[in-house]
Amino acid sequence: MTTQEIANKLVDLYKKGEFETIYKELYSPACMSIEPKGAEMEVCNGLEEMAAKGKKWNESMEEFHGSTVGEPIVSDNHFSMTLMMDATFKGRGREKMNELCVYEVKDGKIVKEQFFYTM
């Protein structure tokens, strides 16, 4: 798949809530995930660590109120999109998070994701 095809498929699957499919079909097993400095898990290497990060994230949430994802912007082997999430977190209350998500593609798979947001 091209970078554009991967970007379009990621957005489509995200809108459908098919997160497991995103990681199974679009990510390299050797991928990397980077969060802003100060995040609980700033860097994750590989799908196993990313799954552990996702599990912690889900466990921290009391209620998910919704999300919106923007259309991807593609340049060569990178793409980005905006993401807004509205959720109530244990011990923190309700938050609306806005972030910029940037992805790198190599050999038809996502090899790196990086998220930019205010902590």
PDB file of N, CA and C in Angstrom:
ATOM      1  N   MET A   1       0.838  -1.196   0.000  1.00  0.00           N
ATOM      2  CA  MET A   1       0.000   0.000   0.000  1.00  0.00           C
ATOM      3  C   MET A   1       0.874   1.246   0.000  1.00  0.00           C
ATOM      4  N   THR A   2       0.390   2.272  -0.632  1.00  0.00           N
ATOM      5  CA  THR A   2       1.085   3.552  -0.625  1.00  0.00           C
ATOM      6  C   THR A   2       0.813   4.271   0.695  1.00  0.00           C
ATOM      7  N   THR A   3       1.576   5.320   0.949  1.00  0.00           N
ATOM      8  CA  THR A   3       1.366   6.119   2.154  1.00  0.00           C
ATOM      9  C   THR A   3      -0.048   6.693   2.163  1.00  0.00           C
ATOM     10  N   GLN A   4      -0.524   7.171   1.025  1.00  0.00           N
ATOM     11  CA  GLN A   4      -1.881   7.723   0.937  1.00  0.00           C
ATOM     12  C   GLN A   4      -2.929   6.656   1.277  1.00  0.00           C
ATOM     13  N   GLU A   5      -2.754   5.457   0.735  1.00  0.00           N
ATOM     14  CA  GLU A   5      -3.702   4.378   1.012  1.00  0.00           C
ATOM     15  C   GLU A   5      -3.705   4.002   2.499  1.00  0.00           C
ATOM     16  N   ILE A   6      -2.527   3.941   3.099  1.00  0.00           N
ATOM     17  CA  ILE A   6      -2.431   3.632   4.529  1.00  0.00           C
ATOM     18  C   ILE A   6      -3.103   4.731   5.346  1.00  0.00           C
ATOM     19  N   ALA A   7      -2.830   5.983   4.996  1.00  0.00           N
ATOM     20  CA  ALA A   7      -3.437   7.117   5.713  1.00  0.00           C
ATOM     21  C   ALA A   7      -4.959   7.065   5.620  1.00  0.00           C
ATOM     22  N   ASN A   8      -5.467   6.850   4.430  1.00  0.00           N
ATOM     23  CA  ASN A   8      -6.928   6.789   4.244  1.00  0.00           C
ATOM     24  C   ASN A   8      -7.543   5.631   5.021  1.00  0.00           C
ATOM     25  N   LYS A   9      -6.873   4.482   4.998  1.00  0.00           N
ATOM     26  CA  LYS A   9      -7.398   3.312   5.699  1.00  0.00           C
ATOM     27  C   LYS A   9      -7.363   3.533   7.214  1.00  0.00           C
ATOM     28  N   LEU A  10      -6.285   4.142   7.730  1.00  0.00           N
ATOM     29  CA  LEU A  10      -6.207   4.414   9.162  1.00  0.00           C
ATOM     30  C   LEU A  10      -7.355   5.306   9.603  1.00  0.00           C
ATOM     31  N   VAL A  11      -7.599   6.382   8.859  1.00  0.00           N
ATOM     32  CA  VAL A  11      -8.697   7.298   9.206  1.00  0.00           C
ATOM     33  C   VAL A  11     -10.036   6.567   9.142  1.00  0.00           C
ATOM     34  N   ASP A  12     -10.252   5.786   8.104  1.00  0.00           N
ATOM     35  CA  ASP A  12     -11.510   5.043   7.958  1.00  0.00           C
ATOM     36  C   ASP A  12     -11.716   4.072   9.120  1.00  0.00           C
ATOM     37  N   LEU A  13     -10.688   3.296   9.450  1.00  0.00           N
ATOM     38  CA  LEU A  13     -10.800   2.332  10.549  1.00  0.00           C
ATOM     39  C   LEU A  13     -10.965   3.037  11.894  1.00  0.00           C
ATOM     40  N   TYR A  14     -10.294   4.163  12.063  1.00  0.00           N
ATOM     41  CA  TYR A  14     -10.440   4.916  13.313  1.00  0.00           C
ATOM     42  C   TYR A  14     -11.886   5.389  13.484  1.00  0.00           C
ATOM     43  N   LYS A  15     -12.450   5.919  12.423  1.00  0.00           N
ATOM     44  CA  LYS A  15     -13.838   6.396  12.488  1.00  0.00           C
ATOM     45  C   LYS A  15     -14.806   5.268  12.823  1.00  0.00           C
ATOM     46  N   LYS A  16     -14.479   4.037  12.429  1.00  0.00           N
ATOM     47  CA  LYS A  16     -15.314   2.876  12.721  1.00  0.00           C
ATOM     48  C   LYS A  16     -15.011   2.279  14.099  1.00  0.00           C
ATOM     49  N   GLY A  17     -13.957   2.782  14.761  1.00  0.00           N
ATOM     50  CA  GLY A  17     -13.571   2.247  16.063  1.00  0.00           C
ATOM     51  C   GLY A  17     -12.863   0.904  15.991  1.00  0.00           C
ATOM     52  N   GLU A  18     -12.292   0.581  14.848  1.00  0.00           N
ATOM     53  CA  GLU A  18     -11.626  -0.711  14.646  1.00  0.00           C
ATOM     54  C   GLU A  18     -10.125  -0.597  14.929  1.00  0.00           C
ATOM     55  N   PHE A  19      -9.793  -0.337  16.198  1.00  0.00           N
ATOM     56  CA  PHE A  19      -8.416  -0.053  16.583  1.00  0.00           C
ATOM     57  C   PHE A  19      -7.509  -1.278  16.475  1.00  0.00           C
ATOM     58  N   GLU A  20      -8.005  -2.447  16.831  1.00  0.00           N
ATOM     59  CA  GLU A  20      -7.191  -3.663  16.704  1.00  0.00           C
ATOM     60  C   GLU A  20      -6.811  -3.910  15.250  1.00  0.00           C
ATOM     61  N   THR A  21      -7.749  -3.677  14.346  1.00  0.00           N
ATOM     62  CA  THR A  21      -7.480  -3.866  12.924  1.00  0.00           C
ATOM     63  C   THR A  21      -6.397  -2.897  12.454  1.00  0.00           C
ATOM     64  N   ILE A  22      -6.429  -1.677  12.961  1.00  0.00           N
ATOM     65  CA  ILE A  22      -5.402  -0.690  12.592  1.00  0.00           C
ATOM     66  C   ILE A  22      -4.022  -1.256  12.878  1.00  0.00           C
ATOM     67  N   TYR A  23      -3.822  -1.744  14.109  1.00  0.00           N
ATOM     68  CA  TYR A  23      -2.496  -2.237  14.489  1.00  0.00           C
ATOM     69  C   TYR A  23      -2.137  -3.531  13.776  1.00  0.00           C
ATOM     70  N   LYS A  24      -3.092  -4.427  13.587  1.00  0.00           N
ATOM     71  CA  LYS A  24      -2.814  -5.704  12.916  1.00  0.00           C
ATOM     72  C   LYS A  24      -2.459  -5.515  11.448  1.00  0.00           C
ATOM     73  N   GLU A  25      -3.190  -4.617  10.759  1.00  0.00           N
ATOM     74  CA  GLU A  25      -3.027  -4.506   9.309  1.00  0.00           C
ATOM     75  C   GLU A  25      -2.055  -3.419   8.857  1.00  0.00           C
ATOM     76  N   LEU A  26      -1.935  -2.350   9.624  1.00  0.00           N
ATOM     77  CA  LEU A  26      -1.196  -1.194   9.117  1.00  0.00           C
ATOM     78  C   LEU A  26       0.177  -0.968   9.748  1.00  0.00           C
ATOM     79  N   TYR A  27       0.433  -1.578  10.892  1.00  0.00           N
ATOM     80  CA  TYR A  27       1.675  -1.315  11.628  1.00  0.00           C
ATOM     81  C   TYR A  27       2.716  -2.407  11.427  1.00  0.00           C
ATOM     82  N   SER A  28       3.982  -1.994  11.386  1.00  0.00           N
ATOM     83  CA  SER A  28       5.099  -2.919  11.413  1.00  0.00           C
ATOM     84  C   SER A  28       5.260  -3.446  12.840  1.00  0.00           C
ATOM     85  N   PRO A  29       5.620  -4.716  13.009  1.00  0.00           N
ATOM     86  CA  PRO A  29       5.865  -5.222  14.360  1.00  0.00           C
ATOM     87  C   PRO A  29       6.976  -4.446  15.078  1.00  0.00           C
ATOM     88  N   ALA A  30       7.874  -3.834  14.320  1.00  0.00           N
ATOM     89  CA  ALA A  30       9.004  -3.095  14.896  1.00  0.00           C
ATOM     90  C   ALA A  30       8.721  -1.591  14.966  1.00  0.00           C
ATOM     91  N   CYS A  31       7.477  -1.215  15.125  1.00  0.00           N
ATOM     92  CA  CYS A  31       7.113   0.203  15.134  1.00  0.00           C
ATOM     93  C   CYS A  31       7.513   0.883  16.447  1.00  0.00           C
ATOM     94  N   MET A  32       7.470   2.214  16.410  1.00  0.00           N
ATOM     95  CA  MET A  32       7.788   3.033  17.577  1.00  0.00           C
ATOM     96  C   MET A  32       6.675   4.055  17.775  1.00  0.00           C
ATOM     97  N   SER A  33       6.371   4.349  19.048  1.00  0.00           N
ATOM     98  CA  SER A  33       5.362   5.348  19.384  1.00  0.00           C
ATOM     99  C   SER A  33       5.991   6.362  20.334  1.00  0.00           C
ATOM    100  N   ILE A  34       5.798   7.648  20.045  1.00  0.00           N
ATOM    101  CA  ILE A  34       6.377   8.713  20.861  1.00  0.00           C
ATOM    102  C   ILE A  34       5.273   9.653  21.335  1.00  0.00           C
ATOM    103  N   GLU A  35       5.217   9.863  22.640  1.00  0.00           N
ATOM    104  CA  GLU A  35       4.290  10.798  23.280  1.00  0.00           C
ATOM    105  C   GLU A  35       5.100  12.003  23.761  1.00  0.00           C
ATOM    106  N   PRO A  36       4.434  13.111  24.113  1.00  0.00           N
ATOM    107  CA  PRO A  36       5.156  14.277  24.614  1.00  0.00           C
ATOM    108  C   PRO A  36       5.932  13.975  25.908  1.00  0.00           C
ATOM    109  N   LYS A  37       6.966  14.763  26.135  1.00  0.00           N
ATOM    110  CA  LYS A  37       7.770  14.649  27.353  1.00  0.00           C
ATOM    111  C   LYS A  37       6.858  14.793  28.570  1.00  0.00           C
ATOM    112  N   GLY A  38       6.996  13.878  29.512  1.00  0.00           N
ATOM    113  CA  GLY A  38       6.181  13.895  30.709  1.00  0.00           C
ATOM    114  C   GLY A  38       5.018  12.923  30.674  1.00  0.00           C
ATOM    115  N   ALA A  39       4.740  12.362  29.504  1.00  0.00           N
ATOM    116  CA  ALA A  39       3.673  11.353  29.404  1.00  0.00           C
ATOM    117  C   ALA A  39       4.106  10.103  30.156  1.00  0.00           C
ATOM    118  N   GLU A  40       3.141   9.324  30.604  1.00  0.00           N
ATOM    119  CA  GLU A  40       3.454   8.114  31.376  1.00  0.00           C
ATOM    120  C   GLU A  40       4.373   7.168  30.609  1.00  0.00           C
ATOM    121  N   MET A  41       4.114   6.983  29.342  1.00  0.00           N
ATOM    122  CA  MET A  41       4.966   6.136  28.494  1.00  0.00           C
ATOM    123  C   MET A  41       5.397   6.986  27.300  1.00  0.00           C
ATOM    124  N   GLU A  42       6.516   7.689  27.455  1.00  0.00           N
ATOM    125  CA  GLU A  42       6.979   8.613  26.412  1.00  0.00           C
ATOM    126  C   GLU A  42       7.354   7.891  25.122  1.00  0.00           C
ATOM    127  N   VAL A  43       8.010   6.741  25.239  1.00  0.00           N
ATOM    128  CA  VAL A  43       8.437   5.994  24.054  1.00  0.00           C
ATOM    129  C   VAL A  43       8.086   4.523  24.231  1.00  0.00           C
ATOM    130  N   CYS A  44       7.469   3.963  23.203  1.00  0.00           N
ATOM    131  CA  CYS A  44       7.174   2.524  23.165  1.00  0.00           C
ATOM    132  C   CYS A  44       7.811   1.963  21.900  1.00  0.00           C
ATOM    133  N   ASN A  45       8.443   0.809  22.045  1.00  0.00           N
ATOM    134  CA  ASN A  45       9.053   0.138  20.910  1.00  0.00           C
ATOM    135  C   ASN A  45       8.361  -1.198  20.675  1.00  0.00           C
ATOM    136  N   GLY A  46       7.773  -1.361  19.501  1.00  0.00           N
ATOM    137  CA  GLY A  46       7.132  -2.605  19.129  1.00  0.00           C
ATOM    138  C   GLY A  46       5.670  -2.654  19.525  1.00  0.00           C
ATOM    139  N   LEU A  47       4.946  -3.522  18.848  1.00  0.00           N
ATOM    140  CA  LEU A  47       3.505  -3.640  19.056  1.00  0.00           C
ATOM    141  C   LEU A  47       3.147  -4.099  20.467  1.00  0.00           C
ATOM    142  N   GLU A  48       4.001  -4.904  21.082  1.00  0.00           N
ATOM    143  CA  GLU A  48       3.716  -5.391  22.433  1.00  0.00           C
ATOM    144  C   GLU A  48       3.690  -4.234  23.437  1.00  0.00           C
ATOM    145  N   GLU A  49       4.701  -3.363  23.390  1.00  0.00           N
ATOM    146  CA  GLU A  49       4.725  -2.205  24.292  1.00  0.00           C
ATOM    147  C   GLU A  49       3.584  -1.250  23.983  1.00  0.00           C
ATOM    148  N   MET A  50       3.272  -1.086  22.700  1.00  0.00           N
ATOM    149  CA  MET A  50       2.168  -0.198  22.326  1.00  0.00           C
ATOM    150  C   MET A  50       0.837  -0.754  22.827  1.00  0.00           C
ATOM    151  N   ALA A  51       0.679  -2.067  22.817  1.00  0.00           N
ATOM    152  CA  ALA A  51      -0.543  -2.676  23.337  1.00  0.00           C
ATOM    153  C   ALA A  51      -0.649  -2.442  24.846  1.00  0.00           C
ATOM    154  N   ALA A  52       0.468  -2.530  25.558  1.00  0.00           N
ATOM    155  CA  ALA A  52       0.471  -2.276  27.007  1.00  0.00           C
ATOM    156  C   ALA A  52       0.102  -0.818  27.288  1.00  0.00           C
ATOM    157  N   LYS A  53       0.611   0.102  26.455  1.00  0.00           N
ATOM    158  CA  LYS A  53       0.259   1.521  26.604  1.00  0.00           C
ATOM    159  C   LYS A  53      -1.243   1.717  26.368  1.00  0.00           C
ATOM    160  N   GLY A  54      -1.772   1.084  25.339  1.00  0.00           N
ATOM    161  CA  GLY A  54      -3.198   1.185  25.041  1.00  0.00           C
ATOM    162  C   GLY A  54      -4.060   0.626  26.154  1.00  0.00           C
ATOM    163  N   LYS A  55      -3.612  -0.467  26.762  1.00  0.00           N
ATOM    164  CA  LYS A  55      -4.361  -1.074  27.870  1.00  0.00           C
ATOM    165  C   LYS A  55      -4.402  -0.106  29.058  1.00  0.00           C
ATOM    166  N   LYS A  56      -3.258   0.496  29.390  1.00  0.00           N
ATOM    167  CA  LYS A  56      -3.220   1.471  30.494  1.00  0.00           C
ATOM    168  C   LYS A  56      -4.137   2.653  30.201  1.00  0.00           C
ATOM    169  N   TRP A  57      -4.113   3.116  28.966  1.00  0.00           N
ATOM    170  CA  TRP A  57      -4.954   4.241  28.552  1.00  0.00           C
ATOM    171  C   TRP A  57      -6.427   3.905  28.754  1.00  0.00           C
ATOM    172  N   ASN A  58      -6.825   2.730  28.272  1.00  0.00           N
ATOM    173  CA  ASN A  58      -8.223   2.306  28.408  1.00  0.00           C
ATOM    174  C   ASN A  58      -8.627   2.146  29.865  1.00  0.00           C
ATOM    175  N   GLU A  59      -7.734   1.619  30.677  1.00  0.00           N
ATOM    176  CA  GLU A  59      -8.025   1.432  32.106  1.00  0.00           C
ATOM    177  C   GLU A  59      -8.122   2.751  32.865  1.00  0.00           C
ATOM    178  N   SER A  60      -7.489   3.806  32.331  1.00  0.00           N
ATOM    179  CA  SER A  60      -7.523   5.112  33.002  1.00  0.00           C
ATOM    180  C   SER A  60      -8.830   5.861  32.732  1.00  0.00           C
ATOM    181  N   MET A  61      -9.608   5.362  31.791  1.00  0.00           N
ATOM    182  CA  MET A  61     -10.810   6.045  31.357  1.00  0.00           C
ATOM    183  C   MET A  61     -12.058   5.519  32.077  1.00  0.00           C
ATOM    184  N   GLU A  62     -12.863   6.446  32.569  1.00  0.00           N
ATOM    185  CA  GLU A  62     -14.155   6.071  33.157  1.00  0.00           C
ATOM    186  C   GLU A  62     -15.234   5.997  32.078  1.00  0.00           C
ATOM    187  N   GLU A  63     -15.219   6.991  31.189  1.00  0.00           N
ATOM    188  CA  GLU A  63     -16.244   7.044  30.141  1.00  0.00           C
ATOM    189  C   GLU A  63     -15.678   7.750  28.916  1.00  0.00           C
ATOM    190  N   PHE A  64     -15.954   7.174  27.759  1.00  0.00           N
ATOM    191  CA  PHE A  64     -15.534   7.769  26.485  1.00  0.00           C
ATOM    192  C   PHE A  64     -16.746   8.453  25.878  1.00  0.00           C
ATOM    193  N   HIS A  65     -16.618   9.758  25.601  1.00  0.00           N
ATOM    194  CA  HIS A  65     -17.761  10.529  25.109  1.00  0.00           C
ATOM    195  C   HIS A  65     -17.750  10.721  23.594  1.00  0.00           C
ATOM    196  N   GLY A  66     -16.608  10.486  22.961  1.00  0.00           N
ATOM    197  CA  GLY A  66     -16.548  10.613  21.506  1.00  0.00           C
ATOM    198  C   GLY A  66     -15.223  11.148  21.022  1.00  0.00           C
ATOM    199  N   SER A  67     -15.068  11.111  19.704  1.00  0.00           N
ATOM    200  CA  SER A  67     -13.843  11.629  19.090  1.00  0.00           C
ATOM    201  C   SER A  67     -14.130  12.015  17.650  1.00  0.00           C
ATOM    202  N   THR A  68     -13.263  12.842  17.128  1.00  0.00           N
ATOM    203  CA  THR A  68     -13.295  13.188  15.709  1.00  0.00           C
ATOM    204  C   THR A  68     -11.875  13.126  15.185  1.00  0.00           C
ATOM    205  N   VAL A  69     -11.753  12.712  13.951  1.00  0.00           N
ATOM    206  CA  VAL A  69     -10.444  12.614  13.310  1.00  0.00           C
ATOM    207  C   VAL A  69     -10.499  13.392  12.005  1.00  0.00           C
ATOM    208  N   GLY A  70      -9.438  14.157  11.751  1.00  0.00           N
ATOM    209  CA  GLY A  70      -9.369  14.934  10.522  1.00  0.00           C
ATOM    210  C   GLY A  70      -8.874  14.103   9.355  1.00  0.00           C
ATOM    211  N   GLU A  71      -9.025  14.636   8.173  1.00  0.00           N
ATOM    212  CA  GLU A  71      -8.537  13.958   6.975  1.00  0.00           C
ATOM    213  C   GLU A  71      -7.012  14.025   6.949  1.00  0.00           C
ATOM    214  N   PRO A  72      -6.358  12.996   6.451  1.00  0.00           N
ATOM    215  CA  PRO A  72      -4.898  12.963   6.475  1.00  0.00           C
ATOM    216  C   PRO A  72      -4.270  13.919   5.463  1.00  0.00           C
ATOM    217  N   ILE A  73      -3.108  14.405   5.844  1.00  0.00           N
ATOM    218  CA  ILE A  73      -2.251  15.197   4.950  1.00  0.00           C
ATOM    219  C   ILE A  73      -1.017  14.337   4.701  1.00  0.00           C
ATOM    220  N   VAL A  74      -0.734  14.051   3.442  1.00  0.00           N
ATOM    221  CA  VAL A  74       0.343  13.122   3.085  1.00  0.00           C
ATOM    222  C   VAL A  74       1.471  13.860   2.382  1.00  0.00           C
ATOM    223  N   SER A  75       2.702  13.514   2.773  1.00  0.00           N
ATOM    224  CA  SER A  75       3.899  14.029   2.119  1.00  0.00           C
ATOM    225  C   SER A  75       4.926  12.910   2.085  1.00  0.00           C
ATOM    226  N   ASP A  76       5.209  12.407   0.896  1.00  0.00           N
ATOM    227  CA  ASP A  76       6.185  11.346   0.694  1.00  0.00           C
ATOM    228  C   ASP A  76       5.845  10.145   1.580  1.00  0.00           C
ATOM    229  N   ASN A  77       6.693   9.808   2.552  1.00  0.00           N
ATOM    230  CA  ASN A  77       6.434   8.640   3.392  1.00  0.00           C
ATOM    231  C   ASN A  77       5.941   9.022   4.792  1.00  0.00           C
ATOM    232  N   HIS A  78       5.380  10.223   4.920  1.00  0.00           N
ATOM    233  CA  HIS A  78       4.791  10.669   6.183  1.00  0.00           C
ATOM    234  C   HIS A  78       3.360  11.135   5.942  1.00  0.00           C
ATOM    235  N   PHE A  79       2.552  11.040   7.003  1.00  0.00           N
ATOM    236  CA  PHE A  79       1.237  11.669   6.963  1.00  0.00           C
ATOM    237  C   PHE A  79       0.870  12.129   8.364  1.00  0.00           C
ATOM    238  N   SER A  80      -0.043  13.080   8.411  1.00  0.00           N
ATOM    239  CA  SER A  80      -0.508  13.598   9.698  1.00  0.00           C
ATOM    240  C   SER A  80      -2.020  13.746   9.653  1.00  0.00           C
ATOM    241  N   MET A  81      -2.588  13.840  10.856  1.00  0.00           N
ATOM    242  CA  MET A  81      -4.021  14.083  10.979  1.00  0.00           C
ATOM    243  C   MET A  81      -4.268  14.685  12.359  1.00  0.00           C
ATOM    244  N   THR A  82      -5.381  15.367  12.489  1.00  0.00           N
ATOM    245  CA  THR A  82      -5.764  15.881  13.793  1.00  0.00           C
ATOM    246  C   THR A  82      -6.696  14.879  14.454  1.00  0.00           C
ATOM    247  N   LEU A  83      -6.697  14.902  15.782  1.00  0.00           N
ATOM    248  CA  LEU A  83      -7.554  14.003  16.549  1.00  0.00           C
ATOM    249  C   LEU A  83      -8.063  14.747  17.771  1.00  0.00           C
ATOM    250  N   MET A  84      -9.363  14.686  18.001  1.00  0.00           N
ATOM    251  CA  MET A  84      -9.969  15.254  19.202  1.00  0.00           C
ATOM    252  C   MET A  84     -10.662  14.119  19.914  1.00  0.00           C
ATOM    253  N   MET A  85     -10.397  14.014  21.233  1.00  0.00           N
ATOM    254  CA  MET A  85     -11.056  13.005  22.052  1.00  0.00           C
ATOM    255  C   MET A  85     -11.697  13.675  23.257  1.00  0.00           C
ATOM    256  N   ASP A  86     -12.866  13.201  23.625  1.00  0.00           N
ATOM    257  CA  ASP A  86     -13.605  13.696  24.780  1.00  0.00           C
ATOM    258  C   ASP A  86     -13.849  12.497  25.683  1.00  0.00           C
ATOM    259  N   ALA A  87     -13.250  12.534  26.893  1.00  0.00           N
ATOM    260  CA  ALA A  87     -13.363  11.389  27.798  1.00  0.00           C
ATOM    261  C   ALA A  87     -13.299  11.855  29.247  1.00  0.00           C
ATOM    262  N   THR A  88     -13.862  11.044  30.117  1.00  0.00           N
ATOM    263  CA  THR A  88     -13.741  11.261  31.555  1.00  0.00           C
ATOM    264  C   THR A  88     -12.740  10.245  32.087  1.00  0.00           C
ATOM    265  N   PHE A  89     -11.717  10.755  32.784  1.00  0.00           N
ATOM    266  CA  PHE A  89     -10.635   9.912  33.291  1.00  0.00           C
ATOM    267  C   PHE A  89     -10.739   9.757  34.804  1.00  0.00           C
ATOM    268  N   LYS A  90     -10.336   8.609  35.283  1.00  0.00           N
ATOM    269  CA  LYS A  90     -10.339   8.329  36.714  1.00  0.00           C
ATOM    270  C   LYS A  90      -9.441   9.335  37.436  1.00  0.00           C
ATOM    271  N   GLY A  91     -10.010  10.035  38.411  1.00  0.00           N
ATOM    272  CA  GLY A  91      -9.246  10.971  39.213  1.00  0.00           C
ATOM    273  C   GLY A  91      -8.902  12.285  38.540  1.00  0.00           C
ATOM    274  N   ARG A  92      -9.290  12.466  37.284  1.00  0.00           N
ATOM    275  CA  ARG A  92      -8.963  13.697  36.562  1.00  0.00           C
ATOM    276  C   ARG A  92     -10.199  14.414  36.038  1.00  0.00           C
ATOM    277  N   GLY A  93     -11.292  13.718  35.916  1.00  0.00           N
ATOM    278  CA  GLY A  93     -12.498  14.330  35.382  1.00  0.00           C
ATOM    279  C   GLY A  93     -12.541  14.300  33.867  1.00  0.00           C
ATOM    280  N   ARG A  94     -13.460  15.071  33.326  1.00  0.00           N
ATOM    281  CA  ARG A  94     -13.688  15.091  31.881  1.00  0.00           C
ATOM    282  C   ARG A  94     -12.686  16.017  31.203  1.00  0.00           C
ATOM    283  N   GLU A  95     -12.140  15.549  30.091  1.00  0.00           N
ATOM    284  CA  GLU A  95     -11.160  16.314  29.316  1.00  0.00           C
ATOM    285  C   GLU A  95     -11.469  16.192  27.830  1.00  0.00           C
ATOM    286  N   LYS A  96     -11.240  17.296  27.137  1.00  0.00           N
ATOM    287  CA  LYS A  96     -11.267  17.280  25.670  1.00  0.00           C
ATOM    288  C   LYS A  96      -9.825  17.474  25.227  1.00  0.00           C
ATOM    289  N   MET A  97      -9.306  16.471  24.534  1.00  0.00           N
ATOM    290  CA  MET A  97      -7.913  16.491  24.099  1.00  0.00           C
ATOM    291  C   MET A  97      -7.854  16.726  22.596  1.00  0.00           C
ATOM    292  N   ASN A  98      -6.984  17.635  22.204  1.00  0.00           N
ATOM    293  CA  ASN A  98      -6.724  17.881  20.788  1.00  0.00           C
ATOM    294  C   ASN A  98      -5.268  17.559  20.524  1.00  0.00           C
ATOM    295  N   GLU A  99      -5.021  16.786  19.484  1.00  0.00           N
ATOM    296  CA  GLU A  99      -3.637  16.443  19.193  1.00  0.00           C
ATOM    297  C   GLU A  99      -3.387  16.352  17.694  1.00  0.00           C
ATOM    298  N   LEU A 100      -2.119  16.465  17.372  1.00  0.00           N
ATOM    299  CA  LEU A 100      -1.647  16.272  16.013  1.00  0.00           C
ATOM    300  C   LEU A 100      -0.926  14.933  16.004  1.00  0.00           C
ATOM    301  N   CYS A 101      -1.314  14.060  15.101  1.00  0.00           N
ATOM    302  CA  CYS A 101      -0.731  12.724  14.995  1.00  0.00           C
ATOM    303  C   CYS A 101       0.098  12.679  13.708  1.00  0.00           C
ATOM    304  N   VAL A 102       1.363  12.266  13.829  1.00  0.00           N
ATOM    305  CA  VAL A 102       2.264  12.196  12.679  1.00  0.00           C
ATOM    306  C   VAL A 102       2.772  10.761  12.565  1.00  0.00           C
ATOM    307  N   TYR A 103       2.721  10.227  11.353  1.00  0.00           N
ATOM    308  CA  TYR A 103       3.089   8.837  11.107  1.00  0.00           C
ATOM    309  C   TYR A 103       4.171   8.757  10.024  1.00  0.00           C
ATOM    310  N   GLU A 104       5.034   7.755  10.161  1.00  0.00           N
ATOM    311  CA  GLU A 104       6.044   7.465   9.145  1.00  0.00           C
ATOM    312  C   GLU A 104       5.786   6.066   8.598  1.00  0.00           C
ATOM    313  N   VAL A 105       5.851   5.929   7.278  1.00  0.00           N
ATOM    314  CA  VAL A 105       5.577   4.665   6.602  1.00  0.00           C
ATOM    315  C   VAL A 105       6.841   4.182   5.902  1.00  0.00           C
ATOM    316  N   LYS A 106       7.098   2.890   6.039  1.00  0.00           N
ATOM    317  CA  LYS A 106       8.233   2.271   5.335  1.00  0.00           C
ATOM    318  C   LYS A 106       7.806   0.878   4.898  1.00  0.00           C
ATOM    319  N   ASP A 107       8.078   0.536   3.662  1.00  0.00           N
ATOM    320  CA  ASP A 107       7.742  -0.792   3.120  1.00  0.00           C
ATOM    321  C   ASP A 107       6.271  -1.151   3.335  1.00  0.00           C
ATOM    322  N   GLY A 108       5.389  -0.151   3.191  1.00  0.00           N
ATOM    323  CA  GLY A 108       3.957  -0.403   3.252  1.00  0.00           C
ATOM    324  C   GLY A 108       3.376  -0.570   4.644  1.00  0.00           C
ATOM    325  N   LYS A 109       4.127  -0.215   5.679  1.00  0.00           N
ATOM    326  CA  LYS A 109       3.650  -0.333   7.059  1.00  0.00           C
ATOM    327  C   LYS A 109       4.039   0.927   7.846  1.00  0.00           C
ATOM    328  N   ILE A 110       3.244   1.238   8.867  1.00  0.00           N
ATOM    329  CA  ILE A 110       3.582   2.347   9.756  1.00  0.00           C
ATOM    330  C   ILE A 110       4.707   1.884  10.672  1.00  0.00           C
ATOM    331  N   VAL A 111       5.813   2.635  10.672  1.00  0.00           N
ATOM    332  CA  VAL A 111       6.968   2.272  11.498  1.00  0.00           C
ATOM    333  C   VAL A 111       7.146   3.225  12.681  1.00  0.00           C
ATOM    334  N   LYS A 112       6.464   4.386  12.620  1.00  0.00           N
ATOM    335  CA  LYS A 112       6.608   5.355  13.706  1.00  0.00           C
ATOM    336  C   LYS A 112       5.354   6.216  13.779  1.00  0.00           C
ATOM    337  N   GLU A 113       4.922   6.462  15.018  1.00  0.00           N
ATOM    338  CA  GLU A 113       3.844   7.412  15.255  1.00  0.00           C
ATOM    339  C   GLU A 113       4.325   8.363  16.337  1.00  0.00           C
ATOM    340  N   GLN A 114       3.944   9.629  16.198  1.00  0.00           N
ATOM    341  CA  GLN A 114       4.300  10.617  17.212  1.00  0.00           C
ATOM    342  C   GLN A 114       3.114  11.535  17.419  1.00  0.00           C
ATOM    343  N   PHE A 115       2.807  11.782  18.693  1.00  0.00           N
ATOM    344  CA  PHE A 115       1.638  12.578  19.040  1.00  0.00           C
ATOM    345  C   PHE A 115       2.074  13.878  19.699  1.00  0.00           C
ATOM    346  N   PHE A 116       1.471  14.961  19.252  1.00  0.00           N
ATOM    347  CA  PHE A 116       1.755  16.295  19.791  1.00  0.00           C
ATOM    348  C   PHE A 116       0.489  16.839  20.421  1.00  0.00           C
ATOM    349  N   TYR A 117       0.571  17.137  21.718  1.00  0.00           N
ATOM    350  CA  TYR A 117      -0.558  17.712  22.444  1.00  0.00           C
ATOM    351  C   TYR A 117      -0.044  18.370  23.714  1.00  0.00           C
ATOM    352  N   THR A 118      -0.878  19.222  24.301  1.00  0.00           N
ATOM    353  CA  THR A 118      -0.514  19.886  25.540  1.00  0.00           C
ATOM    354  C   THR A 118      -0.853  18.975  26.693  1.00  0.00           C
ATOM    355  N   MET A 119       0.108  18.790  27.565  1.00  0.00           N
ATOM    356  CA  MET A 119      -0.086  17.910  28.746  1.00  0.00           C
ATOM    357  C   MET A 119      -0.906  18.649  29.789  1.00  0.00           C
TER     358      MET A 119
END
